[in-house]
């Protein structure tokens, strides 16, 4: 049995801007998680409107709201930790910008 080489897996291949590669654990930065949850909520909402998936809005509303709520929660935790002078994070880490929408 011969195997043919497969294309690189886009989730594990480091692109030019590898800071946005799918990272789990200590490799990912907190603000990336905040961005990810709010982007997921926006993308799901946009998909419902763009694709006119009105029949699915009842089943997708909870994942949308959960993602948005979790983004707010993570953002509050990040801001609280960043503003706490006794935090283990350095001020340069705490000053990293968070995207706003």
C-alpha atoms as a PDB file:
ATOM      1  CA  UNK A   1       0.000   0.000   0.000  1.00  0.00           C
ATOM      2  CA  UNK A   2       1.450   3.345  -1.013  1.00  0.00           C
ATOM      3  CA  UNK A   3       0.660   6.592   0.623  1.00  0.00           C
ATOM      4  CA  UNK A   4       0.503   9.894  -1.118  1.00  0.00           C
ATOM      5  CA  UNK A   5       1.765  13.003   0.605  1.00  0.00           C
ATOM      6  CA  UNK A   6      -1.070  15.072   1.931  1.00  0.00           C
ATOM      7  CA  UNK A   7      -1.353  18.816   2.017  1.00  0.00           C
ATOM      8  CA  UNK A   8      -0.153  20.498   5.196  1.00  0.00           C
ATOM      9  CA  UNK A   9      -2.791  20.714   7.903  1.00  0.00           C
ATOM     10  CA  UNK A  10      -3.774  24.415   8.078  1.00  0.00           C
ATOM     11  CA  UNK A  11      -4.390  24.174  11.832  1.00  0.00           C
ATOM     12  CA  UNK A  12      -0.869  23.004  12.642  1.00  0.00           C
ATOM     13  CA  UNK A  13       1.126  24.714   9.910  1.00  0.00           C
ATOM     14  CA  UNK A  14       2.790  27.955  11.027  1.00  0.00           C
ATOM     15  CA  UNK A  15       1.792  30.691   8.598  1.00  0.00           C
ATOM     16  CA  UNK A  16       3.729  33.925   8.156  1.00  0.00           C
ATOM     17  CA  UNK A  17       1.729  35.588  10.949  1.00  0.00           C
ATOM     18  CA  UNK A  18       1.929  32.689  13.379  1.00  0.00           C
ATOM     19  CA  UNK A  19       0.594  34.719  16.307  1.00  0.00           C
ATOM     20  CA  UNK A  20      -2.890  33.902  14.949  1.00  0.00           C
ATOM     21  CA  UNK A  21      -2.291  30.165  14.590  1.00  0.00           C
ATOM     22  CA  UNK A  22      -4.626  27.917  16.597  1.00  0.00           C
ATOM     23  CA  UNK A  23      -2.851  27.693  19.953  1.00  0.00           C
ATOM     24  CA  UNK A  24      -4.041  25.984  23.103  1.00  0.00           C
ATOM     25  CA  UNK A  25      -2.504  26.324  26.552  1.00  0.00           C
ATOM     26  CA  UNK A  26       0.514  28.424  27.380  1.00  0.00           C
ATOM     27  CA  UNK A  27       1.112  29.366  23.740  1.00  0.00           C
ATOM     28  CA  UNK A  28      -2.084  31.377  23.350  1.00  0.00           C
ATOM     29  CA  UNK A  29      -2.434  34.865  24.808  1.00  0.00           C
ATOM     30  CA  UNK A  30      -5.480  35.791  26.876  1.00  0.00           C
ATOM     31  CA  UNK A  31      -6.615  38.531  24.548  1.00  0.00           C
ATOM     32  CA  UNK A  32      -6.710  36.020  21.665  1.00  0.00           C
ATOM     33  CA  UNK A  33      -9.332  34.041  23.590  1.00  0.00           C
ATOM     34  CA  UNK A  34     -11.390  37.207  24.114  1.00  0.00           C
ATOM     35  CA  UNK A  35     -11.163  37.974  20.393  1.00  0.00           C
ATOM     36  CA  UNK A  36     -12.042  34.399  19.472  1.00  0.00           C
ATOM     37  CA  UNK A  37     -15.252  34.250  21.491  1.00  0.00           C
ATOM     38  CA  UNK A  38     -16.567  37.608  20.303  1.00  0.00           C
ATOM     39  CA  UNK A  39     -15.605  36.815  16.700  1.00  0.00           C
ATOM     40  CA  UNK A  40     -17.469  33.491  16.946  1.00  0.00           C
ATOM     41  CA  UNK A  41     -20.619  35.285  18.121  1.00  0.00           C
ATOM     42  CA  UNK A  42     -20.325  37.855  15.331  1.00  0.00           C
ATOM     43  CA  UNK A  43     -19.645  35.210  12.663  1.00  0.00           C
ATOM     44  CA  UNK A  44     -22.618  33.068  13.715  1.00  0.00           C
ATOM     45  CA  UNK A  45     -24.907  36.096  13.750  1.00  0.00           C
ATOM     46  CA  UNK A  46     -23.610  37.262  10.371  1.00  0.00           C
ATOM     47  CA  UNK A  47     -24.086  33.768   8.909  1.00  0.00           C
ATOM     48  CA  UNK A  48     -27.704  33.630  10.068  1.00  0.00           C
ATOM     49  CA  UNK A  49     -28.451  36.986   8.456  1.00  0.00           C
ATOM     50  CA  UNK A  50     -26.383  36.526   5.273  1.00  0.00           C
ATOM     51  CA  UNK A  51     -27.593  32.984   4.577  1.00  0.00           C
ATOM     52  CA  UNK A  52     -31.129  33.715   5.780  1.00  0.00           C
ATOM     53  CA  UNK A  53     -31.021  30.829   8.243  1.00  0.00           C
ATOM     54  CA  UNK A  54     -34.019  32.174  10.104  1.00  0.00           C
ATOM     55  CA  UNK A  55     -35.280  28.684  10.939  1.00  0.00           C
ATOM     56  CA  UNK A  56     -32.034  27.943  12.787  1.00  0.00           C
ATOM     57  CA  UNK A  57     -31.938  31.106  14.872  1.00  0.00           C
ATOM     58  CA  UNK A  58     -33.687  29.383  17.771  1.00  0.00           C
ATOM     59  CA  UNK A  59     -30.981  26.710  17.982  1.00  0.00           C
ATOM     60  CA  UNK A  60     -28.082  29.088  17.326  1.00  0.00           C
ATOM     61  CA  UNK A  61     -29.106  31.868  19.697  1.00  0.00           C
ATOM     62  CA  UNK A  62     -27.693  30.101  22.760  1.00  0.00           C
ATOM     63  CA  UNK A  63     -24.226  29.480  21.265  1.00  0.00           C
ATOM     64  CA  UNK A  64     -24.198  33.101  20.076  1.00  0.00           C
ATOM     65  CA  UNK A  65     -25.172  34.452  23.494  1.00  0.00           C
ATOM     66  CA  UNK A  66     -22.805  32.076  25.301  1.00  0.00           C
ATOM     67  CA  UNK A  67     -19.885  33.164  23.119  1.00  0.00           C
ATOM     68  CA  UNK A  68     -20.678  36.854  23.577  1.00  0.00           C
ATOM     69  CA  UNK A  69     -21.156  36.475  27.334  1.00  0.00           C
ATOM     70  CA  UNK A  70     -17.935  34.498  27.683  1.00  0.00           C
ATOM     71  CA  UNK A  71     -16.053  37.176  25.719  1.00  0.00           C
ATOM     72  CA  UNK A  72     -17.343  39.807  28.159  1.00  0.00           C
ATOM     73  CA  UNK A  73     -16.373  37.610  31.126  1.00  0.00           C
ATOM     74  CA  UNK A  74     -12.855  37.000  29.796  1.00  0.00           C
ATOM     75  CA  UNK A  75     -12.459  40.690  28.959  1.00  0.00           C
ATOM     76  CA  UNK A  76     -13.444  41.667  32.520  1.00  0.00           C
ATOM     77  CA  UNK A  77     -11.039  39.119  33.996  1.00  0.00           C
ATOM     78  CA  UNK A  78      -8.260  40.337  31.714  1.00  0.00           C
ATOM     79  CA  UNK A  79      -8.925  43.993  32.572  1.00  0.00           C
ATOM     80  CA  UNK A  80      -9.126  43.256  36.304  1.00  0.00           C
ATOM     81  CA  UNK A  81      -5.878  41.314  36.235  1.00  0.00           C
ATOM     82  CA  UNK A  82      -4.198  43.998  34.121  1.00  0.00           C
ATOM     83  CA  UNK A  83      -5.235  46.780  36.519  1.00  0.00           C
ATOM     84  CA  UNK A  84      -4.159  44.888  39.655  1.00  0.00           C
ATOM     85  CA  UNK A  85      -0.646  46.081  40.665  1.00  0.00           C
ATOM     86  CA  UNK A  86       0.014  42.831  42.544  1.00  0.00           C
ATOM     87  CA  UNK A  87      -0.737  40.757  39.481  1.00  0.00           C
ATOM     88  CA  UNK A  88       1.872  38.285  38.279  1.00  0.00           C
ATOM     89  CA  UNK A  89       1.660  39.806  34.816  1.00  0.00           C
ATOM     90  CA  UNK A  90       4.102  42.538  33.882  1.00  0.00           C
ATOM     91  CA  UNK A  91       2.785  45.925  32.864  1.00  0.00           C
ATOM     92  CA  UNK A  92       3.998  45.428  29.286  1.00  0.00           C
ATOM     93  CA  UNK A  93       1.922  42.259  29.078  1.00  0.00           C
ATOM     94  CA  UNK A  94      -1.051  43.998  30.664  1.00  0.00           C
ATOM     95  CA  UNK A  95      -0.786  46.904  28.229  1.00  0.00           C
ATOM     96  CA  UNK A  96      -1.193  44.664  25.173  1.00  0.00           C
ATOM     97  CA  UNK A  97      -4.073  46.032  23.089  1.00  0.00           C
ATOM     98  CA  UNK A  98      -7.391  44.248  22.861  1.00  0.00           C
ATOM     99  CA  UNK A  99      -9.351  44.613  19.649  1.00  0.00           C
ATOM    100  CA  UNK A 100     -12.635  46.424  19.933  1.00  0.00           C
ATOM    101  CA  UNK A 101     -15.654  45.848  17.731  1.00  0.00           C
END
